[in-house]
Amino acid sequence: MARCAPVGYPDSSARRATTAASRLGRGRPNRVDEFDRPLGDAWSVYGGPGHAGNGRRTPDAVSVENGVLTITGDSSGNTAGMARNPGQNYGRWEGRVRPPPPTGPAAGR
């Protein structure tokens, strides 16, 4: 697998402009991942018990395709577990997230 190492800042100025750090003048992040390569050594995807005994963590719930990391879950609390390598206990984290569109009765509101 290719290594997806946290090196530098994304080349795209459009991506830079969309970060809160850029808009607020907080500087460049020390890690960036555009998920344009396999997870490789940069991420550990793991299985095990879910949070507070609810559901399970399973590597099968993670996929990467065309720069999009997808983590799936279900109503039983089953989802993925991921950790960035090397770990970092403190700092400010930022992510761009797009949830799926709503379904059911609430979707029409």
C-alpha atoms as a PDB file:
ATOM      1  CA  MET A   1       0.000   0.000   0.000  1.00  0.00           C
ATOM      2  CA  ALA A   2       1.086   3.539  -0.614  1.00  0.00           C
ATOM      3  CA  ARG A   3       1.837   5.573   2.440  1.00  0.00           C
ATOM      4  CA  CYS A   4      -0.440   8.547   3.021  1.00  0.00           C
ATOM      5  CA  ALA A   5       2.005  10.613   5.040  1.00  0.00           C
ATOM      6  CA  PRO A   6       0.997  13.941   6.628  1.00  0.00           C
ATOM      7  CA  VAL A   7       3.378  16.117   4.626  1.00  0.00           C
ATOM      8  CA  GLY A   8       2.735  19.806   4.178  1.00  0.00           C
ATOM      9  CA  TYR A   9      -0.399  21.603   3.151  1.00  0.00           C
ATOM     10  CA  PRO A  10      -2.690  20.667   0.255  1.00  0.00           C
ATOM     11  CA  ASP A  11      -1.636  22.231  -3.019  1.00  0.00           C
ATOM     12  CA  SER A  12      -5.131  23.452  -3.870  1.00  0.00           C
ATOM     13  CA  SER A  13      -5.726  27.059  -2.837  1.00  0.00           C
ATOM     14  CA  ALA A  14      -9.477  26.340  -2.945  1.00  0.00           C
ATOM     15  CA  ARG A  15      -9.051  23.679  -0.263  1.00  0.00           C
ATOM     16  CA  ARG A  16      -6.878  25.987   1.835  1.00  0.00           C
ATOM     17  CA  ALA A  17      -9.510  28.712   1.663  1.00  0.00           C
ATOM     18  CA  THR A  18     -12.179  26.387   3.045  1.00  0.00           C
ATOM     19  CA  THR A  19     -10.371  25.596   6.295  1.00  0.00           C
ATOM     20  CA  ALA A  20     -11.276  27.398   9.496  1.00  0.00           C
ATOM     21  CA  ALA A  21      -7.567  27.642  10.309  1.00  0.00           C
ATOM     22  CA  SER A  22      -6.969  29.596   7.107  1.00  0.00           C
ATOM     23  CA  ARG A  23      -9.974  31.897   7.575  1.00  0.00           C
ATOM     24  CA  LEU A  24      -9.023  32.631  11.191  1.00  0.00           C
ATOM     25  CA  GLY A  25      -5.296  33.063  10.546  1.00  0.00           C
ATOM     26  CA  ARG A  26      -4.292  30.079  12.704  1.00  0.00           C
ATOM     27  CA  GLY A  27      -1.560  28.876  10.361  1.00  0.00           C
ATOM     28  CA  ARG A  28      -0.975  25.642   8.565  1.00  0.00           C
ATOM     29  CA  PRO A  29      -2.025  22.315  10.036  1.00  0.00           C
ATOM     30  CA  ASN A  30       0.709  19.870  10.966  1.00  0.00           C
ATOM     31  CA  ARG A  31      -1.213  16.990   9.350  1.00  0.00           C
ATOM     32  CA  VAL A  32      -3.320  16.893   6.223  1.00  0.00           C
ATOM     33  CA  ASP A  33      -5.007  13.969   4.541  1.00  0.00           C
ATOM     34  CA  GLU A  34      -7.052  14.338   1.370  1.00  0.00           C
ATOM     35  CA  PHE A  35      -7.721  10.564   1.238  1.00  0.00           C
ATOM     36  CA  ASP A  36      -6.396  10.394  -2.311  1.00  0.00           C
ATOM     37  CA  ARG A  37      -4.328   7.258  -1.531  1.00  0.00           C
ATOM     38  CA  PRO A  38      -4.938   4.033   0.377  1.00  0.00           C
ATOM     39  CA  LEU A  39      -4.982   4.497   4.164  1.00  0.00           C
ATOM     40  CA  GLY A  40      -1.626   2.707   4.379  1.00  0.00           C
ATOM     41  CA  ASP A  41       0.519   3.395   7.432  1.00  0.00           C
ATOM     42  CA  ALA A  42      -1.031   6.792   8.193  1.00  0.00           C
ATOM     43  CA  TRP A  43      -4.167   5.284   9.715  1.00  0.00           C
ATOM     44  CA  SER A  44      -4.961   2.252  11.848  1.00  0.00           C
ATOM     45  CA  VAL A  45      -8.413   0.825  11.207  1.00  0.00           C
ATOM     46  CA  TYR A  46      -9.434  -1.477  14.018  1.00  0.00           C
ATOM     47  CA  GLY A  47     -12.207  -3.712  15.311  1.00  0.00           C
ATOM     48  CA  GLY A  48     -13.501  -4.283  18.811  1.00  0.00           C
ATOM     49  CA  PRO A  49     -16.291  -3.315  21.178  1.00  0.00           C
ATOM     50  CA  GLY A  50     -18.239  -0.144  20.535  1.00  0.00           C
ATOM     51  CA  HIS A  51     -18.527   2.895  22.809  1.00  0.00           C
ATOM     52  CA  ALA A  52     -20.129   2.129  26.178  1.00  0.00           C
ATOM     53  CA  GLY A  53     -20.850  -1.442  25.085  1.00  0.00           C
ATOM     54  CA  ASN A  54     -22.998  -0.367  22.132  1.00  0.00           C
ATOM     55  CA  GLY A  55     -22.330  -2.069  18.799  1.00  0.00           C
ATOM     56  CA  ARG A  56     -18.932  -3.094  17.438  1.00  0.00           C
ATOM     57  CA  ARG A  57     -16.064  -1.443  15.604  1.00  0.00           C
ATOM     58  CA  THR A  58     -15.241  -3.206  12.345  1.00  0.00           C
ATOM     59  CA  PRO A  59     -12.691  -2.427   9.605  1.00  0.00           C
ATOM     60  CA  ASP A  60     -15.350  -3.450   7.071  1.00  0.00           C
ATOM     61  CA  ALA A  61     -17.148  -0.151   7.784  1.00  0.00           C
ATOM     62  CA  VAL A  62     -14.350   1.966   6.215  1.00  0.00           C
ATOM     63  CA  SER A  63     -13.668   2.636   2.535  1.00  0.00           C
ATOM     64  CA  VAL A  64     -11.713   5.214   0.531  1.00  0.00           C
ATOM     65  CA  GLU A  65     -12.525   6.084  -3.070  1.00  0.00           C
ATOM     66  CA  ASN A  66     -11.856   9.181  -5.197  1.00  0.00           C
ATOM     67  CA  GLY A  67     -10.670  11.275  -2.248  1.00  0.00           C
ATOM     68  CA  VAL A  68     -13.653  10.402  -0.075  1.00  0.00           C
ATOM     69  CA  LEU A  69     -13.357   8.510   3.207  1.00  0.00           C
ATOM     70  CA  THR A  70     -16.636   6.755   3.981  1.00  0.00           C
ATOM     71  CA  ILE A  71     -17.417   5.394   7.436  1.00  0.00           C
ATOM     72  CA  THR A  72     -20.689   3.506   7.628  1.00  0.00           C
ATOM     73  CA  GLY A  73     -22.774   2.713  10.671  1.00  0.00           C
ATOM     74  CA  ASP A  74     -26.049   1.064  11.505  1.00  0.00           C
ATOM     75  CA  SER A  75     -28.849   1.366  14.037  1.00  0.00           C
ATOM     76  CA  SER A  76     -27.188  -1.241  16.290  1.00  0.00           C
ATOM     77  CA  GLY A  77     -24.197   1.039  16.821  1.00  0.00           C
ATOM     78  CA  ASN A  78     -21.806  -0.863  14.539  1.00  0.00           C
ATOM     79  CA  THR A  79     -19.295   1.385  12.790  1.00  0.00           C
ATOM     80  CA  ALA A  80     -15.557   1.752  12.222  1.00  0.00           C
ATOM     81  CA  GLY A  81     -12.696   2.532  14.536  1.00  0.00           C
ATOM     82  CA  MET A  82      -9.807   4.625  13.174  1.00  0.00           C
ATOM     83  CA  ALA A  83      -6.675   6.143  14.676  1.00  0.00           C
ATOM     84  CA  ARG A  84      -4.106   8.419  13.016  1.00  0.00           C
ATOM     85  CA  ASN A  85      -0.473   7.303  13.197  1.00  0.00           C
ATOM     86  CA  PRO A  86       1.372   8.545  15.086  1.00  0.00           C
ATOM     87  CA  GLY A  87      -1.248   9.571  17.612  1.00  0.00           C
ATOM     88  CA  GLN A  88      -1.678  13.051  19.041  1.00  0.00           C
ATOM     89  CA  ASN A  89      -3.284  13.699  22.422  1.00  0.00           C
ATOM     90  CA  TYR A  90      -3.656  17.475  22.337  1.00  0.00           C
ATOM     91  CA  GLY A  91      -4.267  20.150  19.766  1.00  0.00           C
ATOM     92  CA  ARG A  92      -7.008  21.551  17.579  1.00  0.00           C
ATOM     93  CA  TRP A  93      -8.646  19.235  15.088  1.00  0.00           C
ATOM     94  CA  GLU A  94     -10.491  20.222  11.943  1.00  0.00           C
ATOM     95  CA  GLY A  95     -12.344  18.096   9.409  1.00  0.00           C
ATOM     96  CA  ARG A  96     -14.581  18.652   6.420  1.00  0.00           C
ATOM     97  CA  VAL A  97     -17.575  16.356   6.794  1.00  0.00           C
ATOM     98  CA  ARG A  98     -20.605  15.818   4.588  1.00  0.00           C
ATOM     99  CA  PRO A  99     -23.339  13.676   6.166  1.00  0.00           C
ATOM    100  CA  PRO A 100     -25.727  11.737   3.949  1.00  0.00           C
ATOM    101  CA  PRO A 101     -29.004  13.456   3.088  1.00  0.00           C
ATOM    102  CA  PRO A 102     -31.843  12.906   5.570  1.00  0.00           C
ATOM    103  CA  THR A 103     -34.406  10.219   4.903  1.00  0.00           C
ATOM    104  CA  GLY A 104     -37.843   9.478   6.295  1.00  0.00           C
ATOM    105  CA  PRO A 105     -40.371  11.953   7.758  1.00  0.00           C
ATOM    106  CA  ALA A 106     -37.733  14.543   8.739  1.00  0.00           C
ATOM    107  CA  ALA A 107     -36.402  14.768   5.165  1.00  0.00           C
ATOM    108  CA  GLY A 108     -39.257  17.012   4.009  1.00  0.00           C
ATOM    109  CA  ARG A 109     -38.757  19.668   6.672  1.00  0.00           C
END
